[in-house]
C-alpha cells in the first residue's frame, strides 16, 4: 500500500478503537506500558490518521519525515502506515525510556 492510500480523506480518528488494538499489540511486542502509549495518542497528540502538520508530521502520533525515515531504517516499521504507527511510537518510547533508566515519564518529556 502506498502512502497516498493511507492518507485518504475521512481516515480514522485518534479515538478509533482500531488504535486501541494496535497500541495493545505494540505494547505487548515492545514492553512499553500500554497506558503510556495510549495517553500520548489520546491526551497528547490528538491528531487523526489523515492529518498532516505544517512540519509534515503525519498520523495519530504525528511523525515528522526524518523520524519516520529513521524508524523505518532501524526497525523496518513505517510510522505513516496506520497499522504500524503504534509500533513505531512504542519503539521510540522504549528508546527514550532506555536512555532515561526505564523512566517512561522522562521518556515522554
C-alpha atoms as a PDB file:
ATOM      1  CA  UNK A   1       0.000   0.000   0.000  1.00  0.00           C
ATOM      2  CA  UNK A   2       1.346   3.413  -0.927  1.00  0.00           C
ATOM      3  CA  UNK A   3       1.361   6.470   1.328  1.00  0.00           C
ATOM      4  CA  UNK A   4      -1.374   8.329  -0.529  1.00  0.00           C
ATOM      5  CA  UNK A   5      -3.667   5.354   0.092  1.00  0.00           C
ATOM      6  CA  UNK A   6      -3.053   5.755   3.849  1.00  0.00           C
ATOM      7  CA  UNK A   7      -3.993   9.421   3.867  1.00  0.00           C
ATOM      8  CA  UNK A   8      -7.395   9.388   2.238  1.00  0.00           C
ATOM      9  CA  UNK A   9      -9.929  11.942   3.487  1.00  0.00           C
ATOM     10  CA  UNK A  10     -12.119  10.572   6.232  1.00  0.00           C
ATOM     11  CA  UNK A  11      -9.400   8.445   7.820  1.00  0.00           C
ATOM     12  CA  UNK A  12      -9.827   7.098  11.335  1.00  0.00           C
ATOM     13  CA  UNK A  13      -9.741   9.463  14.297  1.00  0.00           C
ATOM     14  CA  UNK A  14      -7.228   9.169  17.113  1.00  0.00           C
ATOM     15  CA  UNK A  15     -10.086   7.818  19.292  1.00  0.00           C
ATOM     16  CA  UNK A  16     -10.945   4.956  16.928  1.00  0.00           C
ATOM     17  CA  UNK A  17     -10.889   1.523  18.650  1.00  0.00           C
ATOM     18  CA  UNK A  18      -8.643   0.360  15.807  1.00  0.00           C
ATOM     19  CA  UNK A  19      -5.791   2.168  17.567  1.00  0.00           C
ATOM     20  CA  UNK A  20      -6.652   0.595  20.915  1.00  0.00           C
ATOM     21  CA  UNK A  21      -5.864  -2.719  19.240  1.00  0.00           C
ATOM     22  CA  UNK A  22      -2.661  -1.571  17.536  1.00  0.00           C
ATOM     23  CA  UNK A  23      -1.489   0.062  20.787  1.00  0.00           C
ATOM     24  CA  UNK A  24      -2.108  -3.187  22.689  1.00  0.00           C
ATOM     25  CA  UNK A  25      -0.135  -5.205  20.142  1.00  0.00           C
ATOM     26  CA  UNK A  26       2.726  -2.688  20.157  1.00  0.00           C
ATOM     27  CA  UNK A  27       2.799  -2.681  23.959  1.00  0.00           C
ATOM     28  CA  UNK A  28       2.967  -6.457  24.065  1.00  0.00           C
ATOM     29  CA  UNK A  29       5.700  -6.596  21.416  1.00  0.00           C
ATOM     30  CA  UNK A  30       7.938  -3.911  22.949  1.00  0.00           C
ATOM     31  CA  UNK A  31       7.139  -3.982  26.659  1.00  0.00           C
ATOM     32  CA  UNK A  32       6.135  -0.310  26.621  1.00  0.00           C
ATOM     33  CA  UNK A  33       3.314   0.255  29.135  1.00  0.00           C
ATOM     34  CA  UNK A  34       0.017   0.400  27.284  1.00  0.00           C
ATOM     35  CA  UNK A  35      -1.282   3.288  29.387  1.00  0.00           C
ATOM     36  CA  UNK A  36       1.680   5.478  28.382  1.00  0.00           C
ATOM     37  CA  UNK A  37       1.314   4.711  24.700  1.00  0.00           C
ATOM     38  CA  UNK A  38      -2.433   5.322  24.758  1.00  0.00           C
ATOM     39  CA  UNK A  39      -2.033   8.553  26.752  1.00  0.00           C
ATOM     40  CA  UNK A  40       0.211  10.032  24.085  1.00  0.00           C
ATOM     41  CA  UNK A  41      -2.369   9.303  21.417  1.00  0.00           C
ATOM     42  CA  UNK A  42      -5.474  10.241  23.401  1.00  0.00           C
ATOM     43  CA  UNK A  43      -4.279  13.136  25.548  1.00  0.00           C
ATOM     44  CA  UNK A  44      -1.133  14.237  23.775  1.00  0.00           C
ATOM     45  CA  UNK A  45      -1.195  14.398  20.007  1.00  0.00           C
ATOM     46  CA  UNK A  46      -4.964  14.017  19.425  1.00  0.00           C
ATOM     47  CA  UNK A  47      -4.379  14.015  15.683  1.00  0.00           C
ATOM     48  CA  UNK A  48      -6.346  11.991  13.192  1.00  0.00           C
ATOM     49  CA  UNK A  49      -4.954   9.410  10.816  1.00  0.00           C
ATOM     50  CA  UNK A  50      -5.062  11.699   7.804  1.00  0.00           C
ATOM     51  CA  UNK A  51      -3.770  14.892   9.462  1.00  0.00           C
ATOM     52  CA  UNK A  52      -0.564  16.484   8.229  1.00  0.00           C
ATOM     53  CA  UNK A  53       1.042  19.282  10.241  1.00  0.00           C
ATOM     54  CA  UNK A  54       2.810  22.293   8.784  1.00  0.00           C
ATOM     55  CA  UNK A  55       6.087  20.485   9.613  1.00  0.00           C
ATOM     56  CA  UNK A  56       4.980  17.461   7.567  1.00  0.00           C
ATOM     57  CA  UNK A  57       4.147  15.305  10.603  1.00  0.00           C
ATOM     58  CA  UNK A  58       1.513  12.695   9.817  1.00  0.00           C
ATOM     59  CA  UNK A  59      -0.851  10.312  11.519  1.00  0.00           C
ATOM     60  CA  UNK A  60      -2.181   9.816  15.011  1.00  0.00           C
ATOM     61  CA  UNK A  61       1.303  10.004  16.524  1.00  0.00           C
ATOM     62  CA  UNK A  62       2.415  12.879  14.243  1.00  0.00           C
ATOM     63  CA  UNK A  63       5.749  11.565  12.977  1.00  0.00           C
ATOM     64  CA  UNK A  64       7.851  14.087  11.074  1.00  0.00           C
ATOM     65  CA  UNK A  65       9.508  12.790   7.896  1.00  0.00           C
ATOM     66  CA  UNK A  66      13.019  12.445   9.372  1.00  0.00           C
ATOM     67  CA  UNK A  67      11.764  10.424  12.356  1.00  0.00           C
ATOM     68  CA  UNK A  68       9.604   8.276  10.094  1.00  0.00           C
ATOM     69  CA  UNK A  69      12.642   7.547   7.924  1.00  0.00           C
ATOM     70  CA  UNK A  70      14.804   6.766  10.952  1.00  0.00           C
ATOM     71  CA  UNK A  71      12.276   4.303  12.408  1.00  0.00           C
ATOM     72  CA  UNK A  72      11.768   2.723   9.002  1.00  0.00           C
ATOM     73  CA  UNK A  73      15.503   2.219   8.551  1.00  0.00           C
ATOM     74  CA  UNK A  74      16.165   0.994  12.104  1.00  0.00           C
ATOM     75  CA  UNK A  75      13.103  -1.207  12.718  1.00  0.00           C
ATOM     76  CA  UNK A  76      11.502  -1.730   9.309  1.00  0.00           C
ATOM     77  CA  UNK A  77       8.331  -0.097  10.637  1.00  0.00           C
ATOM     78  CA  UNK A  78       6.562   2.642   8.676  1.00  0.00           C
ATOM     79  CA  UNK A  79       5.228   5.206  11.150  1.00  0.00           C
ATOM     80  CA  UNK A  80       2.936   6.683   8.487  1.00  0.00           C
ATOM     81  CA  UNK A  81       1.225   3.345   7.920  1.00  0.00           C
ATOM     82  CA  UNK A  82      -1.793   3.283  10.271  1.00  0.00           C
ATOM     83  CA  UNK A  83      -1.266  -0.406  11.031  1.00  0.00           C
ATOM     84  CA  UNK A  84       2.330   0.279  12.131  1.00  0.00           C
ATOM     85  CA  UNK A  85       2.078   3.728  13.757  1.00  0.00           C
ATOM     86  CA  UNK A  86       1.601   2.404  17.302  1.00  0.00           C
ATOM     87  CA  UNK A  87       4.598   0.092  16.958  1.00  0.00           C
ATOM     88  CA  UNK A  88       6.746   2.960  15.682  1.00  0.00           C
ATOM     89  CA  UNK A  89       5.674   5.104  18.641  1.00  0.00           C
ATOM     90  CA  UNK A  90       6.378   2.258  21.047  1.00  0.00           C
ATOM     91  CA  UNK A  91       9.900   1.721  19.669  1.00  0.00           C
ATOM     92  CA  UNK A  92      10.680   5.414  20.113  1.00  0.00           C
ATOM     93  CA  UNK A  93       9.254   5.436  23.629  1.00  0.00           C
ATOM     94  CA  UNK A  94      11.304   2.384  24.527  1.00  0.00           C
ATOM     95  CA  UNK A  95      14.474   4.017  23.205  1.00  0.00           C
ATOM     96  CA  UNK A  96      13.762   7.163  25.233  1.00  0.00           C
ATOM     97  CA  UNK A  97      12.944   5.150  28.357  1.00  0.00           C
ATOM     98  CA  UNK A  98      16.156   3.152  27.997  1.00  0.00           C
ATOM     99  CA  UNK A  99      18.106   6.436  27.826  1.00  0.00           C
ATOM    100  CA  UNK A 100      16.277   7.540  30.984  1.00  0.00           C
ATOM    101  CA  UNK A 101      16.923   4.384  33.054  1.00  0.00           C
ATOM    102  CA  UNK A 102      13.467   2.948  32.377  1.00  0.00           C
ATOM    103  CA  UNK A 103      11.596   6.110  33.371  1.00  0.00           C
ATOM    104  CA  UNK A 104       8.693   6.414  30.933  1.00  0.00           C
ATOM    105  CA  UNK A 105       7.580   9.761  32.316  1.00  0.00           C
ATOM    106  CA  UNK A 106      11.000  11.201  31.489  1.00  0.00           C
ATOM    107  CA  UNK A 107      10.866   9.413  28.130  1.00  0.00           C
ATOM    108  CA  UNK A 108       7.641  11.195  27.211  1.00  0.00           C
ATOM    109  CA  UNK A 109       9.055  14.592  28.135  1.00  0.00           C
END
